[in-house]
């Protein structure tokens, strides 16, 4: 019968407080993750509003790339002619 009392005493003095501490840590981490998830969601909504301009910016970038490519081709052609002269 004394073994039962010792077992009950260990349960109430060691096991249950340890479970409560671990549960507290888990709940705290879950609440912290929830706060971060809400912040991420808010930033995603803000970012989605900025994406409306992307097609226009890509079209402008395509035009600039075409202009740069044409200039690079002219430069390479001129440099090739100079190289042939020497």
Protein backbone atom coordinates (compact mmCIF):
# COMPACT_ATOMS: atom_id res chain seq x y z
CA UNK A 1 0.00 0.00 0.00
CA UNK A 2 2.94 2.31 0.65
CA UNK A 3 4.04 1.88 -2.96
CA UNK A 4 0.70 3.32 -4.11
CA UNK A 5 1.19 6.36 -1.90
CA UNK A 6 4.70 6.89 -3.22
CA UNK A 7 3.45 6.49 -6.77
CA UNK A 8 0.61 8.97 -6.20
CA UNK A 9 3.00 11.41 -4.54
CA UNK A 10 5.40 11.21 -7.50
CA UNK A 11 2.48 11.68 -9.88
CA UNK A 12 1.27 14.83 -8.17
CA UNK A 13 4.69 16.33 -7.38
CA UNK A 14 6.66 15.44 -10.53
CA UNK A 15 4.62 14.24 -13.48
CA UNK A 16 1.68 16.64 -13.39
CA UNK A 17 3.83 19.79 -12.95
CA UNK A 18 6.12 18.63 -15.77
CA UNK A 19 3.12 18.08 -18.06
CA UNK A 20 1.75 21.52 -17.16
CA UNK A 21 5.10 23.20 -17.90
CA UNK A 22 5.34 21.47 -21.28
CA UNK A 23 1.72 22.32 -22.07
CA UNK A 24 2.37 25.96 -21.17
CA UNK A 25 5.39 26.09 -23.50
CA UNK A 26 3.40 24.51 -26.31
CA UNK A 27 0.47 26.90 -25.95
CA UNK A 28 2.85 29.88 -25.81
CA UNK A 29 4.57 28.75 -29.01
CA UNK A 30 1.22 28.22 -30.74
CA UNK A 31 0.05 31.72 -29.81
CA UNK A 32 3.36 33.19 -31.02
CA UNK A 33 3.01 31.36 -34.33
CA UNK A 34 -0.53 32.68 -34.65
CA UNK A 35 0.69 36.28 -34.25
CA UNK A 36 3.38 35.76 -36.89
CA UNK A 37 0.88 34.12 -39.25
CA UNK A 38 -1.41 37.14 -38.96
CA UNK A 39 1.50 39.48 -39.72
CA UNK A 40 2.44 37.40 -42.76
CA UNK A 41 -1.15 37.46 -43.98
CA UNK A 42 -1.25 41.24 -43.66
CA UNK A 43 1.98 41.58 -45.63
CA UNK A 44 0.73 39.22 -48.33
CA UNK A 45 -2.40 41.32 -48.77
CA UNK A 46 -0.24 44.44 -49.10
CA UNK A 47 2.06 42.69 -51.57
CA UNK A 48 -0.86 41.48 -53.66
CA UNK A 49 -1.94 45.08 -54.15
CA UNK A 50 1.51 45.92 -55.48
CA UNK A 51 1.39 43.11 -58.05
CA UNK A 52 -1.14 44.97 -60.20
CA UNK A 53 1.72 47.06 -61.64
CA UNK A 54 3.87 44.07 -62.62
CA UNK A 55 2.60 43.52 -66.22
CA UNK A 56 3.23 47.18 -67.09
CA UNK A 57 6.71 47.04 -65.55
CA UNK A 58 7.51 43.83 -67.43
CA UNK A 59 6.44 45.41 -70.73
CA UNK A 60 8.70 48.39 -70.03
CA UNK A 61 11.57 46.03 -69.14
CA UNK A 62 11.07 44.12 -72.40
CA UNK A 63 11.32 47.37 -74.38
CA UNK A 64 14.51 48.38 -72.58
CA UNK A 65 16.04 44.94 -73.18
CA UNK A 66 15.26 45.22 -76.90
CA UNK A 67 16.89 48.65 -77.05
CA UNK A 68 19.97 47.42 -75.19
CA UNK A 69 20.22 44.37 -77.42
CA UNK A 70 20.06 46.53 -80.54
CA UNK A 71 22.76 48.83 -79.16
CA UNK A 72 24.94 45.89 -78.20
CA UNK A 73 24.57 44.44 -81.70
CA UNK A 74 25.60 47.76 -83.26
CA UNK A 75 28.58 47.95 -80.90
CA UNK A 76 29.65 44.39 -81.62
CA UNK A 77 29.36 44.96 -85.36
CA UNK A 78 31.47 48.11 -85.12
CA UNK A 79 34.05 46.41 -82.89
CA UNK A 80 34.25 43.52 -85.37
CA UNK A 81 34.96 45.94 -88.22
CA UNK A 82 37.68 47.66 -86.18
CA UNK A 83 39.22 44.28 -85.37
CA UNK A 84 39.29 43.39 -89.06
CA UNK A 85 41.21 46.59 -89.87
CA UNK A 86 44.02 45.78 -87.47
